[in-house]
Amino acid sequence: MRLEAPSGPMLLFLGPTFLTFIIAGLMGYPLVYYFSVTLGMGTALGGSLLALNGALVVLLQDRVAALASRLKPSRALAAGMTIYAIGYAILPAVRGLPEALADIALITVGEMVALPVSSAVAARLSSPSSRGTHMGVYGLTGSVARTLSSSIFAALLYALPPSEVWGVEAVVATASALGYLAVLG
């Protein structure tokens, strides 16, 4: 069995996808840290906010996916990443629990649009004869980016005020959105 290298379009797609998974990786330690330490909500409440993410995915993923499937994949990915960008850009305005809940809901919508479409596009760009290998490269890209996400967040937090950190993260999400439009048309 000969392994087939991912195609040029697949490799190009992995660029904005890497950025997407850096943003997706923020839904964990970075957000819990921000809510619990920076906003003083406590770790339990910060973690509970992430439970809202899970609940919304369970309740709404099918409906959101149906709406996203009406768009071209490039536009769906760009829309999802733009929603992510808005959610992170307005995070510094969050002062209490109601705003935190609303912002997590917004960020979750971005996630529910972008991540399933990303997987579908990766599968479509994979050669049928080497789909497992190509999806493995896609998965590795996502794993590395998610792992780096917390480190990037921590480095940014060391260098910048929290409000600027979220601005940088919003720029990364926007770059991913623009990357998908450029790569996928």
N, C-alpha and C. Protein backbone atom coordinates (compact mmCIF):
# COMPACT_ATOMS: atom_id res chain seq x y z
N MET A 1 0.85 -1.18 0.00
CA MET A 1 0.00 0.00 0.00
C MET A 1 0.89 1.24 0.00
N ARG A 2 0.69 2.10 -0.97
CA ARG A 2 1.48 3.31 -1.12
C ARG A 2 0.69 4.48 -0.54
N LEU A 3 1.36 5.25 0.33
CA LEU A 3 0.71 6.43 0.89
C LEU A 3 0.79 7.57 -0.10
N GLU A 4 -0.30 8.24 -0.26
CA GLU A 4 -0.41 9.33 -1.21
C GLU A 4 -0.33 10.65 -0.44
N ALA A 5 0.53 11.54 -0.87
CA ALA A 5 0.66 12.85 -0.22
C ALA A 5 -0.63 13.64 -0.42
N PRO A 6 -1.00 14.45 0.57
CA PRO A 6 -2.19 15.30 0.39
C PRO A 6 -2.01 16.21 -0.82
N SER A 7 -3.10 16.51 -1.47
CA SER A 7 -3.09 17.35 -2.66
C SER A 7 -2.73 18.79 -2.30
N GLY A 8 -2.37 19.54 -3.32
CA GLY A 8 -2.09 20.97 -3.12
C GLY A 8 -3.26 21.71 -2.49
N PRO A 9 -4.49 21.51 -3.01
CA PRO A 9 -5.62 22.19 -2.39
C PRO A 9 -5.82 21.81 -0.92
N MET A 10 -5.57 20.55 -0.58
CA MET A 10 -5.69 20.12 0.82
C MET A 10 -4.63 20.82 1.67
N LEU A 11 -3.41 20.87 1.18
CA LEU A 11 -2.35 21.54 1.94
C LEU A 11 -2.64 23.02 2.12
N LEU A 12 -3.16 23.67 1.09
CA LEU A 12 -3.54 25.09 1.23
C LEU A 12 -4.66 25.26 2.25
N PHE A 13 -5.61 24.35 2.23
CA PHE A 13 -6.74 24.38 3.16
C PHE A 13 -6.27 24.27 4.61
N LEU A 14 -5.18 23.54 4.83
CA LEU A 14 -4.69 23.34 6.19
C LEU A 14 -4.16 24.63 6.82
N GLY A 15 -3.80 25.63 6.01
CA GLY A 15 -3.34 26.92 6.56
C GLY A 15 -4.41 27.61 7.38
N PRO A 16 -5.55 27.97 6.76
CA PRO A 16 -6.60 28.60 7.56
C PRO A 16 -7.19 27.64 8.60
N THR A 17 -7.12 26.34 8.32
CA THR A 17 -7.62 25.36 9.27
C THR A 17 -6.78 25.37 10.54
N PHE A 18 -5.47 25.52 10.40
CA PHE A 18 -4.58 25.62 11.56
C PHE A 18 -5.02 26.80 12.43
N LEU A 19 -5.30 27.93 11.82
CA LEU A 19 -5.77 29.11 12.56
C LEU A 19 -7.12 28.84 13.22
N THR A 20 -8.00 28.14 12.51
CA THR A 20 -9.31 27.79 13.07
C THR A 20 -9.16 27.00 14.36
N PHE A 21 -8.27 26.02 14.34
CA PHE A 21 -8.12 25.19 15.53
C PHE A 21 -7.38 25.91 16.67
N ILE A 22 -6.57 26.90 16.34
CA ILE A 22 -6.02 27.74 17.41
C ILE A 22 -7.18 28.45 18.11
N ILE A 23 -8.12 28.95 17.34
CA ILE A 23 -9.28 29.64 17.92
C ILE A 23 -10.17 28.65 18.66
N ALA A 24 -10.40 27.49 18.08
CA ALA A 24 -11.23 26.48 18.75
C ALA A 24 -10.61 26.06 20.08
N GLY A 25 -9.29 26.05 20.16
CA GLY A 25 -8.60 25.66 21.37
C GLY A 25 -8.77 26.64 22.53
N LEU A 26 -9.28 27.82 22.24
CA LEU A 26 -9.51 28.79 23.31
C LEU A 26 -10.67 28.38 24.21
N MET A 27 -11.53 27.51 23.71
CA MET A 27 -12.67 27.02 24.50
C MET A 27 -12.14 25.94 25.44
N GLY A 28 -11.58 26.38 26.50
CA GLY A 28 -10.95 25.50 27.49
C GLY A 28 -10.19 26.36 28.47
N TYR A 29 -8.92 26.01 28.69
CA TYR A 29 -8.11 26.74 29.66
C TYR A 29 -8.15 28.26 29.47
N PRO A 30 -7.94 28.78 28.26
CA PRO A 30 -7.92 30.24 28.13
C PRO A 30 -9.20 30.92 28.61
N LEU A 31 -10.35 30.39 28.21
CA LEU A 31 -11.60 31.03 28.64
C LEU A 31 -11.85 30.83 30.13
N VAL A 32 -11.58 29.65 30.64
CA VAL A 32 -11.77 29.42 32.08
C VAL A 32 -10.86 30.35 32.87
N TYR A 33 -9.62 30.47 32.45
CA TYR A 33 -8.69 31.37 33.12
C TYR A 33 -9.22 32.80 33.09
N TYR A 34 -9.63 33.25 31.93
CA TYR A 34 -10.11 34.62 31.78
C TYR A 34 -11.32 34.88 32.68
N PHE A 35 -12.30 33.99 32.62
CA PHE A 35 -13.50 34.19 33.44
C PHE A 35 -13.19 34.07 34.93
N SER A 36 -12.39 33.08 35.29
CA SER A 36 -12.17 32.84 36.71
C SER A 36 -11.16 33.79 37.33
N VAL A 37 -10.07 34.06 36.66
CA VAL A 37 -9.02 34.90 37.25
C VAL A 37 -9.20 36.37 36.87
N THR A 38 -9.25 36.66 35.59
CA THR A 38 -9.32 38.05 35.16
C THR A 38 -10.63 38.71 35.58
N LEU A 39 -11.74 38.01 35.38
CA LEU A 39 -13.04 38.59 35.75
C LEU A 39 -13.45 38.23 37.18
N GLY A 40 -12.69 37.36 37.84
CA GLY A 40 -12.97 37.02 39.23
C GLY A 40 -14.23 36.21 39.46
N MET A 41 -14.64 35.43 38.48
CA MET A 41 -15.87 34.63 38.62
C MET A 41 -15.63 33.32 39.35
N GLY A 42 -14.39 32.92 39.49
CA GLY A 42 -14.08 31.64 40.13
C GLY A 42 -14.01 30.53 39.10
N THR A 43 -13.23 29.53 39.42
CA THR A 43 -12.99 28.42 38.49
C THR A 43 -14.25 27.62 38.21
N ALA A 44 -15.05 27.38 39.25
CA ALA A 44 -16.27 26.58 39.05
C ALA A 44 -17.23 27.28 38.09
N LEU A 45 -17.42 28.57 38.26
CA LEU A 45 -18.32 29.29 37.36
C LEU A 45 -17.72 29.40 35.97
N GLY A 46 -16.40 29.63 35.91
CA GLY A 46 -15.74 29.68 34.61
C GLY A 46 -15.90 28.36 33.86
N GLY A 47 -15.72 27.26 34.56
CA GLY A 47 -15.91 25.95 33.95
C GLY A 47 -17.36 25.70 33.58
N SER A 48 -18.27 26.18 34.41
CA SER A 48 -19.70 26.01 34.11
C SER A 48 -20.10 26.74 32.84
N LEU A 49 -19.44 27.85 32.56
CA LEU A 49 -19.73 28.56 31.32
C LEU A 49 -19.40 27.69 30.10
N LEU A 50 -18.36 26.88 30.25
CA LEU A 50 -18.02 25.97 29.15
C LEU A 50 -19.06 24.86 29.00
N ALA A 51 -19.73 24.53 30.08
CA ALA A 51 -20.81 23.54 30.00
C ALA A 51 -21.94 24.07 29.11
N LEU A 52 -22.14 25.38 29.13
CA LEU A 52 -23.13 25.98 28.23
C LEU A 52 -22.77 25.67 26.79
N ASN A 53 -21.48 25.76 26.47
CA ASN A 53 -21.02 25.43 25.13
C ASN A 53 -21.47 24.01 24.75
N GLY A 54 -21.20 23.06 25.63
CA GLY A 54 -21.56 21.67 25.35
C GLY A 54 -23.06 21.48 25.20
N ALA A 55 -23.81 22.12 26.07
CA ALA A 55 -25.28 22.00 26.01
C ALA A 55 -25.82 22.58 24.70
N LEU A 56 -25.29 23.73 24.30
CA LEU A 56 -25.76 24.33 23.05
C LEU A 56 -25.42 23.47 21.84
N VAL A 57 -24.25 22.86 21.86
CA VAL A 57 -23.88 21.98 20.75
C VAL A 57 -24.85 20.81 20.68
N VAL A 58 -25.16 20.20 21.82
CA VAL A 58 -26.09 19.07 21.83
C VAL A 58 -27.47 19.50 21.34
N LEU A 59 -27.94 20.65 21.79
CA LEU A 59 -29.29 21.09 21.45
C LEU A 59 -29.43 21.68 20.06
N LEU A 60 -28.40 22.35 19.55
CA LEU A 60 -28.58 23.14 18.34
C LEU A 60 -27.71 22.73 17.14
N GLN A 61 -26.77 21.81 17.34
CA GLN A 61 -25.83 21.51 16.26
C GLN A 61 -26.52 21.10 14.96
N ASP A 62 -27.54 20.26 15.03
CA ASP A 62 -28.20 19.82 13.81
C ASP A 62 -28.87 20.98 13.06
N ARG A 63 -29.51 21.87 13.81
CA ARG A 63 -30.17 23.02 13.17
C ARG A 63 -29.15 23.97 12.56
N VAL A 64 -28.10 24.24 13.30
CA VAL A 64 -27.07 25.15 12.79
C VAL A 64 -26.39 24.53 11.56
N ALA A 65 -26.11 23.25 11.60
CA ALA A 65 -25.49 22.57 10.46
C ALA A 65 -26.40 22.63 9.23
N ALA A 66 -27.69 22.47 9.43
CA ALA A 66 -28.63 22.55 8.31
C ALA A 66 -28.60 23.95 7.68
N LEU A 67 -28.54 24.97 8.51
CA LEU A 67 -28.46 26.34 7.99
C LEU A 67 -27.13 26.58 7.28
N ALA A 68 -26.04 26.10 7.87
CA ALA A 68 -24.72 26.30 7.27
C ALA A 68 -24.60 25.56 5.95
N SER A 69 -25.29 24.44 5.80
CA SER A 69 -25.18 23.65 4.56
C SER A 69 -25.81 24.37 3.37
N ARG A 70 -26.57 25.41 3.61
CA ARG A 70 -27.16 26.19 2.52
C ARG A 70 -26.14 27.11 1.85
N LEU A 71 -25.01 27.31 2.54
CA LEU A 71 -23.96 28.20 2.03
C LEU A 71 -22.88 27.39 1.32
N LYS A 72 -22.16 28.06 0.43
CA LYS A 72 -20.94 27.47 -0.10
C LYS A 72 -20.02 27.20 1.07
N PRO A 73 -19.25 26.11 1.04
CA PRO A 73 -18.37 25.82 2.17
C PRO A 73 -17.44 26.98 2.54
N SER A 74 -16.88 27.67 1.54
CA SER A 74 -15.99 28.79 1.86
C SER A 74 -16.72 29.89 2.61
N ARG A 75 -17.95 30.14 2.22
CA ARG A 75 -18.73 31.18 2.90
C ARG A 75 -19.18 30.73 4.30
N ALA A 76 -19.51 29.47 4.43
CA ALA A 76 -19.89 28.95 5.75
C ALA A 76 -18.71 29.02 6.71
N LEU A 77 -17.53 28.62 6.23
CA LEU A 77 -16.34 28.68 7.06
C LEU A 77 -16.01 30.13 7.42
N ALA A 78 -16.09 31.01 6.44
CA ALA A 78 -15.81 32.43 6.72
C ALA A 78 -16.83 33.00 7.70
N ALA A 79 -18.09 32.62 7.54
CA ALA A 79 -19.12 33.11 8.47
C ALA A 79 -18.86 32.60 9.88
N GLY A 80 -18.57 31.31 10.01
CA GLY A 80 -18.30 30.75 11.33
C GLY A 80 -17.12 31.41 12.00
N MET A 81 -16.06 31.64 11.23
CA MET A 81 -14.87 32.27 11.81
C MET A 81 -15.10 33.74 12.11
N THR A 82 -15.95 34.40 11.34
CA THR A 82 -16.29 35.79 11.63
C THR A 82 -17.10 35.88 12.92
N ILE A 83 -18.00 34.94 13.13
CA ILE A 83 -18.78 34.90 14.38
C ILE A 83 -17.83 34.66 15.55
N TYR A 84 -16.90 33.73 15.39
CA TYR A 84 -15.87 33.51 16.41
C TYR A 84 -15.14 34.84 16.70
N ALA A 85 -14.71 35.53 15.63
CA ALA A 85 -13.96 36.78 15.78
C ALA A 85 -14.75 37.81 16.56
N ILE A 86 -16.02 37.95 16.24
CA ILE A 86 -16.86 38.90 16.97
C ILE A 86 -16.98 38.50 18.43
N GLY A 87 -17.20 37.22 18.67
CA GLY A 87 -17.32 36.74 20.05
C GLY A 87 -16.09 37.03 20.88
N TYR A 88 -14.91 36.83 20.30
CA TYR A 88 -13.68 37.11 21.05
C TYR A 88 -13.38 38.59 21.11
N ALA A 89 -13.73 39.34 20.07
CA ALA A 89 -13.47 40.79 20.08
C ALA A 89 -14.28 41.50 21.16
N ILE A 90 -15.50 41.03 21.41
CA ILE A 90 -16.33 41.71 22.42
C ILE A 90 -16.14 41.14 23.82
N LEU A 91 -15.34 40.10 23.95
CA LEU A 91 -15.12 39.50 25.27
C LEU A 91 -14.63 40.50 26.32
N PRO A 92 -13.78 41.47 25.98
CA PRO A 92 -13.36 42.43 27.01
C PRO A 92 -14.52 43.28 27.57
N ALA A 93 -15.63 43.35 26.86
CA ALA A 93 -16.79 44.10 27.36
C ALA A 93 -17.60 43.32 28.39
N VAL A 94 -17.32 42.02 28.52
CA VAL A 94 -18.05 41.18 29.48
C VAL A 94 -17.67 41.59 30.89
N ARG A 95 -18.67 41.86 31.70
CA ARG A 95 -18.43 42.27 33.08
C ARG A 95 -19.09 41.34 34.10
N GLY A 96 -20.05 40.55 33.65
CA GLY A 96 -20.75 39.69 34.58
C GLY A 96 -21.30 38.45 33.90
N LEU A 97 -22.02 37.67 34.66
CA LEU A 97 -22.52 36.39 34.18
C LEU A 97 -23.45 36.50 32.97
N PRO A 98 -24.42 37.41 32.95
CA PRO A 98 -25.31 37.46 31.77
C PRO A 98 -24.54 37.71 30.47
N GLU A 99 -23.58 38.65 30.52
CA GLU A 99 -22.80 38.92 29.31
C GLU A 99 -21.91 37.74 28.95
N ALA A 100 -21.36 37.08 29.96
CA ALA A 100 -20.52 35.91 29.72
C ALA A 100 -21.32 34.80 29.05
N LEU A 101 -22.53 34.56 29.52
CA LEU A 101 -23.39 33.54 28.92
C LEU A 101 -23.69 33.87 27.46
N ALA A 102 -24.03 35.14 27.20
CA ALA A 102 -24.34 35.55 25.83
C ALA A 102 -23.12 35.41 24.92
N ASP A 103 -21.95 35.78 25.44
CA ASP A 103 -20.75 35.70 24.61
C ASP A 103 -20.36 34.25 24.34
N ILE A 104 -20.47 33.40 25.33
CA ILE A 104 -20.18 31.97 25.11
C ILE A 104 -21.16 31.41 24.07
N ALA A 105 -22.42 31.82 24.13
CA ALA A 105 -23.40 31.36 23.14
C ALA A 105 -22.99 31.80 21.74
N LEU A 106 -22.54 33.04 21.61
CA LEU A 106 -22.11 33.55 20.30
C LEU A 106 -20.88 32.77 19.79
N ILE A 107 -19.89 32.60 20.65
CA ILE A 107 -18.70 31.86 20.27
C ILE A 107 -19.07 30.43 19.86
N THR A 108 -20.02 29.84 20.57
CA THR A 108 -20.45 28.47 20.26
C THR A 108 -21.12 28.40 18.90
N VAL A 109 -21.86 29.40 18.53
CA VAL A 109 -22.46 29.41 17.18
C VAL A 109 -21.36 29.40 16.13
N GLY A 110 -20.32 30.21 16.33
CA GLY A 110 -19.20 30.19 15.40
C GLY A 110 -18.58 28.81 15.29
N GLU A 111 -18.41 28.17 16.44
CA GLU A 111 -17.87 26.81 16.48
C GLU A 111 -18.78 25.83 15.74
N MET A 112 -20.08 25.92 15.98
CA MET A 112 -21.02 24.97 15.36
C MET A 112 -21.11 25.15 13.85
N VAL A 113 -20.79 26.34 13.36
CA VAL A 113 -20.77 26.55 11.91
C VAL A 113 -19.44 26.07 11.33
N ALA A 114 -18.34 26.52 11.91
CA ALA A 114 -17.03 26.30 11.29
C ALA A 114 -16.51 24.87 11.38
N LEU A 115 -16.58 24.25 12.54
CA LEU A 115 -15.88 22.98 12.71
C LEU A 115 -16.46 21.83 11.88
N PRO A 116 -17.77 21.65 11.84
CA PRO A 116 -18.29 20.56 10.99
C PRO A 116 -18.03 20.79 9.50
N VAL A 117 -18.15 22.03 9.06
CA VAL A 117 -17.89 22.33 7.64
C VAL A 117 -16.42 22.07 7.33
N SER A 118 -15.54 22.45 8.26
CA SER A 118 -14.11 22.20 8.07
C SER A 118 -13.82 20.72 7.86
N SER A 119 -14.43 19.88 8.69
CA SER A 119 -14.23 18.43 8.54
C SER A 119 -14.76 17.93 7.20
N ALA A 120 -15.91 18.44 6.81
CA ALA A 120 -16.51 18.01 5.53
C ALA A 120 -15.64 18.42 4.35
N VAL A 121 -15.11 19.63 4.39
CA VAL A 121 -14.25 20.09 3.30
C VAL A 121 -12.97 19.25 3.26
N ALA A 122 -12.40 18.97 4.43
CA ALA A 122 -11.20 18.14 4.48
C ALA A 122 -11.46 16.77 3.86
N ALA A 123 -12.60 16.18 4.16
CA ALA A 123 -12.94 14.88 3.58
C ALA A 123 -13.11 14.99 2.07
N ARG A 124 -13.72 16.07 1.62
CA ARG A 124 -13.93 16.26 0.18
C ARG A 124 -12.61 16.47 -0.55
N LEU A 125 -11.66 17.15 0.09
CA LEU A 125 -10.36 17.40 -0.53
C LEU A 125 -9.42 16.20 -0.46
N SER A 126 -9.79 15.20 0.30
CA SER A 126 -8.96 14.01 0.46
C SER A 126 -9.20 13.05 -0.70
N SER A 127 -8.16 12.42 -1.12
CA SER A 127 -8.27 11.40 -2.15
C SER A 127 -9.00 10.19 -1.57
N PRO A 128 -9.97 9.64 -2.29
CA PRO A 128 -10.67 8.45 -1.76
C PRO A 128 -9.72 7.29 -1.43
N SER A 129 -8.64 7.18 -2.18
CA SER A 129 -7.72 6.07 -1.94
C SER A 129 -6.85 6.28 -0.70
N SER A 130 -6.73 7.51 -0.25
CA SER A 130 -5.90 7.80 0.93
C SER A 130 -6.64 8.68 1.94
N ARG A 131 -7.93 8.55 1.97
CA ARG A 131 -8.73 9.42 2.84
C ARG A 131 -8.31 9.31 4.30
N GLY A 132 -8.03 8.11 4.77
CA GLY A 132 -7.62 7.95 6.17
C GLY A 132 -6.35 8.71 6.49
N THR A 133 -5.37 8.60 5.60
CA THR A 133 -4.10 9.32 5.80
C THR A 133 -4.34 10.82 5.74
N HIS A 134 -5.09 11.28 4.77
CA HIS A 134 -5.34 12.71 4.62
C HIS A 134 -6.14 13.27 5.79
N MET A 135 -7.11 12.53 6.24
CA MET A 135 -7.88 12.99 7.41
C MET A 135 -7.00 12.93 8.66
N GLY A 136 -6.03 12.01 8.67
CA GLY A 136 -5.08 11.98 9.77
C GLY A 136 -4.22 13.24 9.80
N VAL A 137 -3.80 13.70 8.62
CA VAL A 137 -3.04 14.96 8.53
C VAL A 137 -3.92 16.12 9.00
N TYR A 138 -5.17 16.11 8.60
CA TYR A 138 -6.12 17.14 9.05
C TYR A 138 -6.26 17.08 10.59
N GLY A 139 -6.42 15.89 11.13
CA GLY A 139 -6.55 15.74 12.57
C GLY A 139 -5.29 16.16 13.31
N LEU A 140 -4.14 15.84 12.76
CA LEU A 140 -2.87 16.25 13.37
C LEU A 140 -2.75 17.77 13.37
N THR A 141 -3.14 18.39 12.28
CA THR A 141 -3.13 19.86 12.20
C THR A 141 -3.99 20.44 13.31
N GLY A 142 -5.19 19.88 13.47
CA GLY A 142 -6.09 20.36 14.52
C GLY A 142 -5.53 20.13 15.92
N SER A 143 -4.94 18.97 16.15
CA SER A 143 -4.40 18.66 17.47
C SER A 143 -3.24 19.56 17.84
N VAL A 144 -2.34 19.77 16.90
CA VAL A 144 -1.20 20.64 17.16
C VAL A 144 -1.67 22.07 17.43
N ALA A 145 -2.59 22.55 16.62
CA ALA A 145 -3.09 23.93 16.79
C ALA A 145 -3.81 24.09 18.12
N ARG A 146 -4.66 23.14 18.48
CA ARG A 146 -5.37 23.22 19.77
C ARG A 146 -4.39 23.20 20.94
N THR A 147 -3.34 22.39 20.83
CA THR A 147 -2.34 22.32 21.88
C THR A 147 -1.58 23.64 21.99
N LEU A 148 -1.24 24.21 20.86
CA LEU A 148 -0.53 25.49 20.85
C LEU A 148 -1.40 26.65 21.33
N SER A 149 -2.70 26.51 21.20
CA SER A 149 -3.62 27.59 21.54
C SER A 149 -3.42 28.12 22.95
N SER A 150 -3.34 27.23 23.92
CA SER A 150 -3.16 27.67 25.31
C SER A 150 -1.81 28.33 25.51
N SER A 151 -0.78 27.81 24.86
CA SER A 151 0.55 28.42 24.98
C SER A 151 0.58 29.80 24.36
N ILE A 152 -0.04 29.93 23.21
CA ILE A 152 -0.10 31.24 22.54
C ILE A 152 -0.87 32.22 23.43
N PHE A 153 -1.99 31.76 23.98
CA PHE A 153 -2.79 32.61 24.87
C PHE A 153 -1.95 33.06 26.06
N ALA A 154 -1.25 32.13 26.68
CA ALA A 154 -0.45 32.47 27.86
C ALA A 154 0.66 33.47 27.50
N ALA A 155 1.32 33.26 26.36
CA ALA A 155 2.37 34.18 25.94
C ALA A 155 1.79 35.57 25.66
N LEU A 156 0.65 35.61 25.01
CA LEU A 156 0.00 36.90 24.75
C LEU A 156 -0.40 37.59 26.05
N LEU A 157 -0.93 36.81 26.98
CA LEU A 157 -1.37 37.37 28.25
C LEU A 157 -0.19 37.92 29.05
N TYR A 158 0.96 37.31 28.88
CA TYR A 158 2.17 37.79 29.55
C TYR A 158 2.61 39.13 28.95
N ALA A 159 2.40 39.30 27.63
CA ALA A 159 2.91 40.47 26.92
C ALA A 159 1.90 41.61 26.79
N LEU A 160 0.61 41.30 26.87
CA LEU A 160 -0.42 42.30 26.59
C LEU A 160 -1.49 42.31 27.67
N PRO A 161 -2.23 43.41 27.78
CA PRO A 161 -3.41 43.41 28.66
C PRO A 161 -4.46 42.44 28.09
N PRO A 162 -5.28 41.85 28.96
CA PRO A 162 -6.28 40.88 28.49
C PRO A 162 -7.17 41.39 27.35
N SER A 163 -7.56 42.65 27.39
CA SER A 163 -8.44 43.15 26.32
C SER A 163 -7.74 43.10 24.97
N GLU A 164 -6.44 43.32 24.95
CA GLU A 164 -5.70 43.25 23.69
C GLU A 164 -5.46 41.81 23.25
N VAL A 165 -5.34 40.90 24.21
CA VAL A 165 -5.17 39.48 23.88
C VAL A 165 -6.37 39.02 23.06
N TRP A 166 -7.56 39.35 23.51
CA TRP A 166 -8.76 38.91 22.79
C TRP A 166 -8.85 39.58 21.43
N GLY A 167 -8.33 40.80 21.31
CA GLY A 167 -8.27 41.45 20.00
C GLY A 167 -7.37 40.70 19.04
N VAL A 168 -6.21 40.23 19.55
CA VAL A 168 -5.30 39.44 18.72
C VAL A 168 -5.99 38.15 18.30
N GLU A 169 -6.68 37.50 19.22
CA GLU A 169 -7.38 36.25 18.89
C GLU A 169 -8.46 36.51 17.84
N ALA A 170 -9.14 37.65 17.94
CA ALA A 170 -10.16 38.00 16.94
C ALA A 170 -9.51 38.20 15.57
N VAL A 171 -8.32 38.77 15.54
CA VAL A 171 -7.59 38.94 14.28
C VAL A 171 -7.21 37.58 13.70
N VAL A 172 -6.80 36.64 14.54
CA VAL A 172 -6.47 35.29 14.06
C VAL A 172 -7.72 34.64 13.44
N ALA A 173 -8.86 34.79 14.09
CA ALA A 173 -10.10 34.23 13.54
C ALA A 173 -10.46 34.89 12.21
N THR A 174 -10.27 36.19 12.12
CA THR A 174 -10.56 36.90 10.88
C THR A 174 -9.60 36.46 9.78
N ALA A 175 -8.32 36.26 10.13
CA ALA A 175 -7.36 35.77 9.13
C ALA A 175 -7.77 34.39 8.62
N SER A 176 -8.29 33.56 9.50
CA SER A 176 -8.77 32.25 9.08
C SER A 176 -9.94 32.39 8.11
N ALA A 177 -10.88 33.28 8.44
CA ALA A 177 -12.04 33.51 7.56
C ALA A 177 -11.58 33.95 6.18
N LEU A 178 -10.67 34.91 6.13
CA LEU A 178 -10.17 35.41 4.85
C LEU A 178 -9.38 34.32 4.12
N GLY A 179 -8.65 33.51 4.87
CA GLY A 179 -7.90 32.41 4.27
C GLY A 179 -8.81 31.42 3.57
N TYR A 180 -9.93 31.09 4.22
CA TYR A 180 -10.87 30.16 3.58
C TYR A 180 -11.43 30.74 2.28
N LEU A 181 -11.76 32.02 2.30
CA LEU A 181 -12.28 32.64 1.06
C LEU A 181 -11.23 32.62 -0.04
N ALA A 182 -9.98 32.86 0.34
CA ALA A 182 -8.90 32.87 -0.66
C ALA A 182 -8.61 31.47 -1.20
N VAL A 183 -8.59 30.49 -0.32
CA VAL A 183 -8.20 29.13 -0.70
C VAL A 183 -9.33 28.37 -1.40
N LEU A 184 -10.55 28.56 -0.91
CA LEU A 184 -11.68 27.79 -1.43
C LEU A 184 -12.55 28.56 -2.43
N GLY A 185 -12.34 29.86 -2.50
CA GLY A 185 -13.10 30.69 -3.44
C GLY A 185 -14.50 31.01 -3.04
